[in-house]
């Protein structure tokens, strides 16, 4: 993946833009972050599905459940 860096010198007003390949360490950090985000999204979807199953079993809508639980 290419990384674009922008440097601005406030004294001279000169702007320097460089493009480079990411380092192995940057790539590892990025990939770990992306994997973590995918995991969090999957967990959120599982929780939402479980909530919906319970609401369906009780015959409630999400709005009705919020009212019963005192949510805003």
PDB file of N, CA and C in Angstrom:
ATOM      1  N   UNK A   1       0.848  -1.164   0.000  1.00  0.00           N
ATOM      2  CA  UNK A   1       0.000   0.000   0.000  1.00  0.00           C
ATOM      3  C   UNK A   1       0.900   1.236   0.000  1.00  0.00           C
ATOM      4  N   UNK A   2       0.485   2.217  -0.738  1.00  0.00           N
ATOM      5  CA  UNK A   2       1.243   3.468  -0.809  1.00  0.00           C
ATOM      6  C   UNK A   2       0.788   4.405   0.312  1.00  0.00           C
ATOM      7  N   UNK A   3       1.734   5.118   0.880  1.00  0.00           N
ATOM      8  CA  UNK A   3       1.456   6.118   1.901  1.00  0.00           C
ATOM      9  C   UNK A   3       1.860   7.471   1.342  1.00  0.00           C
ATOM     10  N   UNK A   4       0.948   8.416   1.415  1.00  0.00           N
ATOM     11  CA  UNK A   4       1.222   9.775   0.961  1.00  0.00           C
ATOM     12  C   UNK A   4       1.428  10.646   2.194  1.00  0.00           C
ATOM     13  N   UNK A   5       2.567  11.314   2.233  1.00  0.00           N
ATOM     14  CA  UNK A   5       2.881  12.201   3.348  1.00  0.00           C
ATOM     15  C   UNK A   5       2.954  13.628   2.840  1.00  0.00           C
ATOM     16  N   UNK A   6       2.383  14.530   3.616  1.00  0.00           N
ATOM     17  CA  UNK A   6       2.364  15.937   3.233  1.00  0.00           C
ATOM     18  C   UNK A   6       3.051  16.730   4.343  1.00  0.00           C
ATOM     19  N   UNK A   7       4.028  17.506   3.972  1.00  0.00           N
ATOM     20  CA  UNK A   7       4.759  18.329   4.932  1.00  0.00           C
ATOM     21  C   UNK A   7       4.632  19.782   4.508  1.00  0.00           C
ATOM     22  N   UNK A   8       4.312  20.637   5.472  1.00  0.00           N
ATOM     23  CA  UNK A   8       4.134  22.046   5.175  1.00  0.00           C
ATOM     24  C   UNK A   8       5.068  22.856   6.052  1.00  0.00           C
ATOM     25  N   UNK A   9       5.903  23.665   5.435  1.00  0.00           N
ATOM     26  CA  UNK A   9       6.824  24.534   6.148  1.00  0.00           C
ATOM     27  C   UNK A   9       6.140  25.884   6.319  1.00  0.00           C
ATOM     28  N   UNK A  10       5.820  26.222   7.572  1.00  0.00           N
ATOM     29  CA  UNK A  10       5.078  27.460   7.818  1.00  0.00           C
ATOM     30  C   UNK A  10       5.931  28.704   7.609  1.00  0.00           C
ATOM     31  N   UNK A  11       7.225  28.543   7.685  1.00  0.00           N
ATOM     32  CA  UNK A  11       8.108  29.689   7.494  1.00  0.00           C
ATOM     33  C   UNK A  11       8.208  30.065   6.028  1.00  0.00           C
ATOM     34  N   UNK A  12       8.447  29.055   5.187  1.00  0.00           N
ATOM     35  CA  UNK A  12       8.627  29.342   3.761  1.00  0.00           C
ATOM     36  C   UNK A  12       7.331  29.203   2.972  1.00  0.00           C
ATOM     37  N   UNK A  13       6.337  28.548   3.556  1.00  0.00           N
ATOM     38  CA  UNK A  13       5.088  28.306   2.844  1.00  0.00           C
ATOM     39  C   UNK A  13       5.199  27.177   1.837  1.00  0.00           C
ATOM     40  N   UNK A  14       6.321  26.465   1.885  1.00  0.00           N
ATOM     41  CA  UNK A  14       6.557  25.380   0.928  1.00  0.00           C
ATOM     42  C   UNK A  14       5.845  24.110   1.396  1.00  0.00           C
ATOM     43  N   UNK A  15       5.222  23.448   0.444  1.00  0.00           N
ATOM     44  CA  UNK A  15       4.519  22.213   0.723  1.00  0.00           C
ATOM     45  C   UNK A  15       5.214  21.086  -0.032  1.00  0.00           C
ATOM     46  N   UNK A  16       5.548  20.015   0.690  1.00  0.00           N
ATOM     47  CA  UNK A  16       6.219  18.872   0.082  1.00  0.00           C
ATOM     48  C   UNK A  16       5.323  17.647   0.234  1.00  0.00           C
ATOM     49  N   UNK A  17       5.049  16.984  -0.882  1.00  0.00           N
ATOM     50  CA  UNK A  17       4.232  15.775  -0.866  1.00  0.00           C
ATOM     51  C   UNK A  17       5.100  14.623  -1.355  1.00  0.00           C
ATOM     52  N   UNK A  18       5.182  13.575  -0.540  1.00  0.00           N
ATOM     53  CA  UNK A  18       5.956  12.390  -0.930  1.00  0.00           C
ATOM     54  C   UNK A  18       5.053  11.171  -0.855  1.00  0.00           C
ATOM     55  N   UNK A  19       5.335  10.211  -1.700  1.00  0.00           N
ATOM     56  CA  UNK A  19       4.597   8.955  -1.702  1.00  0.00           C
ATOM     57  C   UNK A  19       5.606   7.833  -1.553  1.00  0.00           C
ATOM     58  N   UNK A  20       5.282   6.884  -0.666  1.00  0.00           N
ATOM     59  CA  UNK A  20       6.212   5.785  -0.424  1.00  0.00           C
ATOM     60  C   UNK A  20       5.421   4.515  -0.117  1.00  0.00           C
ATOM     61  N   UNK A  21       6.116   3.403  -0.195  1.00  0.00           N
ATOM     62  CA  UNK A  21       5.507   2.134   0.196  1.00  0.00           C
ATOM     63  C   UNK A  21       5.520   2.042   1.714  1.00  0.00           C
ATOM     64  N   UNK A  22       4.495   1.402   2.276  1.00  0.00           N
ATOM     65  CA  UNK A  22       4.473   1.256   3.722  1.00  0.00           C
ATOM     66  C   UNK A  22       5.519   0.225   4.149  1.00  0.00           C
ATOM     67  N   UNK A  23       6.030   0.395   5.355  1.00  0.00           N
ATOM     68  CA  UNK A  23       7.022  -0.536   5.876  1.00  0.00           C
ATOM     69  C   UNK A  23       6.320  -1.801   6.332  1.00  0.00           C
ATOM     70  N   UNK A  24       7.088  -2.826   6.591  1.00  0.00           N
ATOM     71  CA  UNK A  24       6.518  -4.089   7.061  1.00  0.00           C
ATOM     72  C   UNK A  24       5.799  -3.877   8.394  1.00  0.00           C
ATOM     73  N   UNK A  25       6.365  -3.058   9.253  1.00  0.00           N
ATOM     74  CA  UNK A  25       5.742  -2.779  10.548  1.00  0.00           C
ATOM     75  C   UNK A  25       4.421  -2.027  10.369  1.00  0.00           C
ATOM     76  N   UNK A  26       4.395  -1.041   9.492  1.00  0.00           N
ATOM     77  CA  UNK A  26       3.161  -0.296   9.232  1.00  0.00           C
ATOM     78  C   UNK A  26       2.092  -1.208   8.644  1.00  0.00           C
ATOM     79  N   UNK A  27       2.512  -2.100   7.782  1.00  0.00           N
ATOM     80  CA  UNK A  27       1.574  -3.042   7.173  1.00  0.00           C
ATOM     81  C   UNK A  27       0.991  -3.970   8.241  1.00  0.00           C
ATOM     82  N   UNK A  28       1.845  -4.462   9.141  1.00  0.00           N
ATOM     83  CA  UNK A  28       1.375  -5.355  10.199  1.00  0.00           C
ATOM     84  C   UNK A  28       0.380  -4.650  11.112  1.00  0.00           C
ATOM     85  N   UNK A  29       0.664  -3.398  11.458  1.00  0.00           N
ATOM     86  CA  UNK A  29      -0.242  -2.626  12.314  1.00  0.00           C
ATOM     87  C   UNK A  29      -1.574  -2.396  11.604  1.00  0.00           C
ATOM     88  N   UNK A  30      -1.510  -2.030  10.332  1.00  0.00           N
ATOM     89  CA  UNK A  30      -2.738  -1.785   9.563  1.00  0.00           C
ATOM     90  C   UNK A  30      -3.578  -3.047   9.461  1.00  0.00           C
ATOM     91  N   UNK A  31      -2.937  -4.167   9.152  1.00  0.00           N
ATOM     92  CA  UNK A  31      -3.671  -5.422   9.009  1.00  0.00           C
ATOM     93  C   UNK A  31      -4.274  -5.883  10.336  1.00  0.00           C
ATOM     94  N   UNK A  32      -3.553  -5.680  11.440  1.00  0.00           N
ATOM     95  CA  UNK A  32      -4.090  -6.032  12.756  1.00  0.00           C
ATOM     96  C   UNK A  32      -5.299  -5.167  13.082  1.00  0.00           C
ATOM     97  N   UNK A  33      -5.216  -3.874  12.758  1.00  0.00           N
ATOM     98  CA  UNK A  33      -6.333  -2.963  13.000  1.00  0.00           C
ATOM     99  C   UNK A  33      -7.548  -3.376  12.166  1.00  0.00           C
ATOM    100  N   UNK A  34      -7.325  -3.691  10.897  1.00  0.00           N
ATOM    101  CA  UNK A  34      -8.436  -4.099  10.035  1.00  0.00           C
ATOM    102  C   UNK A  34      -9.082  -5.385  10.539  1.00  0.00           C
ATOM    103  N   UNK A  35      -8.262  -6.343  10.990  1.00  0.00           N
ATOM    104  CA  UNK A  35      -8.793  -7.600  11.516  1.00  0.00           C
ATOM    105  C   UNK A  35      -9.615  -7.349  12.782  1.00  0.00           C
ATOM    106  N   UNK A  36      -9.137  -6.448  13.633  1.00  0.00           N
ATOM    107  CA  UNK A  36      -9.860  -6.102  14.857  1.00  0.00           C
ATOM    108  C   UNK A  36     -11.204  -5.474  14.534  1.00  0.00           C
ATOM    109  N   UNK A  37     -11.240  -4.596  13.528  1.00  0.00           N
ATOM    110  CA  UNK A  37     -12.490  -3.950  13.139  1.00  0.00           C
ATOM    111  C   UNK A  37     -13.483  -4.965  12.576  1.00  0.00           C
ATOM    112  N   UNK A  38     -12.991  -5.915  11.802  1.00  0.00           N
ATOM    113  CA  UNK A  38     -13.863  -6.965  11.255  1.00  0.00           C
ATOM    114  C   UNK A  38     -14.447  -7.803  12.385  1.00  0.00           C
ATOM    115  N   UNK A  39     -13.615  -8.130  13.378  1.00  0.00           N
ATOM    116  CA  UNK A  39     -14.072  -8.914  14.529  1.00  0.00           C
ATOM    117  C   UNK A  39     -15.128  -8.153  15.309  1.00  0.00           C
ATOM    118  N   UNK A  40     -14.894  -6.863  15.571  1.00  0.00           N
ATOM    119  CA  UNK A  40     -15.866  -6.052  16.304  1.00  0.00           C
ATOM    120  C   UNK A  40     -17.192  -5.966  15.556  1.00  0.00           C
ATOM    121  N   UNK A  41     -17.130  -5.816  14.233  1.00  0.00           N
ATOM    122  CA  UNK A  41     -18.348  -5.745  13.429  1.00  0.00           C
ATOM    123  C   UNK A  41     -19.115  -7.057  13.499  1.00  0.00           C
ATOM    124  N   UNK A  42     -18.402  -8.171  13.412  1.00  0.00           N
ATOM    125  CA  UNK A  42     -19.053  -9.479  13.488  1.00  0.00           C
ATOM    126  C   UNK A  42     -19.708  -9.690  14.852  1.00  0.00           C
ATOM    127  N   UNK A  43     -19.014  -9.285  15.927  1.00  0.00           N
ATOM    128  CA  UNK A  43     -19.580  -9.413  17.271  1.00  0.00           C
ATOM    129  C   UNK A  43     -20.830  -8.553  17.415  1.00  0.00           C
ATOM    130  N   UNK A  44     -20.813  -7.357  16.876  1.00  0.00           N
ATOM    131  CA  UNK A  44     -21.974  -6.470  16.948  1.00  0.00           C
ATOM    132  C   UNK A  44     -23.155  -7.074  16.194  1.00  0.00           C
ATOM    133  N   UNK A  45     -22.890  -7.684  15.056  1.00  0.00           N
ATOM    134  CA  UNK A  45     -23.955  -8.306  14.273  1.00  0.00           C
ATOM    135  C   UNK A  45     -24.547  -9.498  15.009  1.00  0.00           C
ATOM    136  N   UNK A  46     -23.699 -10.286  15.679  1.00  0.00           N
ATOM    137  CA  UNK A  46     -24.185 -11.432  16.451  1.00  0.00           C
ATOM    138  C   UNK A  46     -25.081 -10.957  17.588  1.00  0.00           C
ATOM    139  N   UNK A  47     -24.662  -9.897  18.302  1.00  0.00           N
ATOM    140  CA  UNK A  47     -25.470  -9.359  19.400  1.00  0.00           C
ATOM    141  C   UNK A  47     -26.794  -8.825  18.889  1.00  0.00           C
ATOM    142  N   UNK A  48     -26.763  -8.121  17.771  1.00  0.00           N
ATOM    143  CA  UNK A  48     -27.994  -7.560  17.210  1.00  0.00           C
ATOM    144  C   UNK A  48     -28.957  -8.674  16.808  1.00  0.00           C
ATOM    145  N   UNK A  49     -28.420  -9.733  16.232  1.00  0.00           N
ATOM    146  CA  UNK A  49     -29.260 -10.864  15.839  1.00  0.00           C
ATOM    147  C   UNK A  49     -29.854 -11.536  17.067  1.00  0.00           C
ATOM    148  N   UNK A  50     -29.051 -11.709  18.113  1.00  0.00           N
ATOM    149  CA  UNK A  50     -29.548 -12.337  19.340  1.00  0.00           C
ATOM    150  C   UNK A  50     -30.648 -11.483  19.966  1.00  0.00           C
ATOM    151  N   UNK A  51     -30.460 -10.165  19.984  1.00  0.00           N
ATOM    152  CA  UNK A  51     -31.489  -9.274  20.521  1.00  0.00           C
ATOM    153  C   UNK A  51     -32.787  -9.401  19.723  1.00  0.00           C
ATOM    154  N   UNK A  52     -32.638  -9.433  18.398  1.00  0.00           N
ATOM    155  CA  UNK A  52     -33.823  -9.515  17.548  1.00  0.00           C
ATOM    156  C   UNK A  52     -34.564 -10.833  17.754  1.00  0.00           C
ATOM    157  N   UNK A  53     -33.830 -11.913  17.960  1.00  0.00           N
ATOM    158  CA  UNK A  53     -34.467 -13.213  18.212  1.00  0.00           C
ATOM    159  C   UNK A  53     -35.293 -13.144  19.482  1.00  0.00           C
ATOM    160  N   UNK A  54     -34.725 -12.546  20.524  1.00  0.00           N
ATOM    161  CA  UNK A  54     -35.445 -12.421  21.793  1.00  0.00           C
ATOM    162  C   UNK A  54     -36.672 -11.538  21.622  1.00  0.00           C
ATOM    163  N   UNK A  55     -36.515 -10.414  20.941  1.00  0.00           N
ATOM    164  CA  UNK A  55     -37.656  -9.525  20.715  1.00  0.00           C
ATOM    165  C   UNK A  55     -38.753 -10.213  19.915  1.00  0.00           C
ATOM    166  N   UNK A  56     -38.359 -10.982  18.906  1.00  0.00           N
ATOM    167  CA  UNK A  56     -39.350 -11.708  18.107  1.00  0.00           C
ATOM    168  C   UNK A  56     -40.088 -12.724  18.972  1.00  0.00           C
ATOM    169  N   UNK A  57     -39.347 -13.406  19.840  1.00  0.00           N
ATOM    170  CA  UNK A  57     -39.950 -14.404  20.716  1.00  0.00           C
ATOM    171  C   UNK A  57     -40.960 -13.752  21.659  1.00  0.00           C
ATOM    172  N   UNK A  58     -40.644 -12.532  22.112  1.00  0.00           N
ATOM    173  CA  UNK A  58     -41.543 -11.814  23.004  1.00  0.00           C
ATOM    174  C   UNK A  58     -42.632 -11.051  22.258  1.00  0.00           C
ATOM    175  N   UNK A  59     -42.480 -10.942  20.965  1.00  0.00           N
ATOM    176  CA  UNK A  59     -43.464 -10.218  20.168  1.00  0.00           C
ATOM    177  C   UNK A  59     -43.359  -8.709  20.317  1.00  0.00           C
ATOM    178  N   UNK A  60     -42.139  -8.222  20.553  1.00  0.00           N
ATOM    179  CA  UNK A  60     -41.918  -6.785  20.741  1.00  0.00           C
ATOM    180  C   UNK A  60     -41.108  -6.216  19.588  1.00  0.00           C
ATOM    181  N   UNK A  61     -41.314  -4.931  19.342  1.00  0.00           N
ATOM    182  CA  UNK A  61     -40.456  -4.227  18.395  1.00  0.00           C
ATOM    183  C   UNK A  61     -39.270  -3.663  19.185  1.00  0.00           C
ATOM    184  N   UNK A  62     -38.262  -3.215  18.486  1.00  0.00           N
ATOM    185  CA  UNK A  62     -37.092  -2.626  19.141  1.00  0.00           C
ATOM    186  C   UNK A  62     -37.499  -1.370  19.906  1.00  0.00           C
ATOM    187  N   UNK A  63     -38.419  -0.590  19.352  1.00  0.00           N
ATOM    188  CA  UNK A  63     -38.878   0.633  20.008  1.00  0.00           C
ATOM    189  C   UNK A  63     -39.611   0.317  21.313  1.00  0.00           C
ATOM    190  N   UNK A  64     -40.452  -0.731  21.279  1.00  0.00           N
ATOM    191  CA  UNK A  64     -41.177  -1.133  22.488  1.00  0.00           C
ATOM    192  C   UNK A  64     -40.212  -1.621  23.568  1.00  0.00           C
ATOM    193  N   UNK A  65     -39.199  -2.339  23.173  1.00  0.00           N
ATOM    194  CA  UNK A  65     -38.203  -2.820  24.131  1.00  0.00           C
ATOM    195  C   UNK A  65     -37.463  -1.646  24.761  1.00  0.00           C
ATOM    196  N   UNK A  66     -37.133  -0.632  23.962  1.00  0.00           N
ATOM    197  CA  UNK A  66     -36.461   0.558  24.491  1.00  0.00           C
ATOM    198  C   UNK A  66     -37.345   1.254  25.529  1.00  0.00           C
ATOM    199  N   UNK A  67     -38.633   1.341  25.249  1.00  0.00           N
ATOM    200  CA  UNK A  67     -39.547   1.975  26.188  1.00  0.00           C
ATOM    201  C   UNK A  67     -39.622   1.179  27.504  1.00  0.00           C
ATOM    202  N   UNK A  68     -39.686  -0.149  27.392  1.00  0.00           N
ATOM    203  CA  UNK A  68     -39.757  -0.993  28.586  1.00  0.00           C
ATOM    204  C   UNK A  68     -38.476  -0.913  29.415  1.00  0.00           C
ATOM    205  N   UNK A  69     -37.347  -0.814  28.746  1.00  0.00           N
ATOM    206  CA  UNK A  69     -36.063  -0.807  29.446  1.00  0.00           C
ATOM    207  C   UNK A  69     -35.650   0.587  29.881  1.00  0.00           C
ATOM    208  N   UNK A  70     -36.429   1.586  29.539  1.00  0.00           N
ATOM    209  CA  UNK A  70     -36.138   2.943  29.958  1.00  0.00           C
ATOM    210  C   UNK A  70     -35.041   3.596  29.163  1.00  0.00           C
ATOM    211  N   UNK A  71     -34.755   3.084  27.971  1.00  0.00           N
ATOM    212  CA  UNK A  71     -33.733   3.692  27.118  1.00  0.00           C
ATOM    213  C   UNK A  71     -34.245   4.963  26.486  1.00  0.00           C
ATOM    214  N   UNK A  72     -33.317   5.788  26.066  1.00  0.00           N
ATOM    215  CA  UNK A  72     -33.703   7.056  25.439  1.00  0.00           C
ATOM    216  C   UNK A  72     -33.893   6.911  23.970  1.00  0.00           C
TER     217      UNK A  72
END
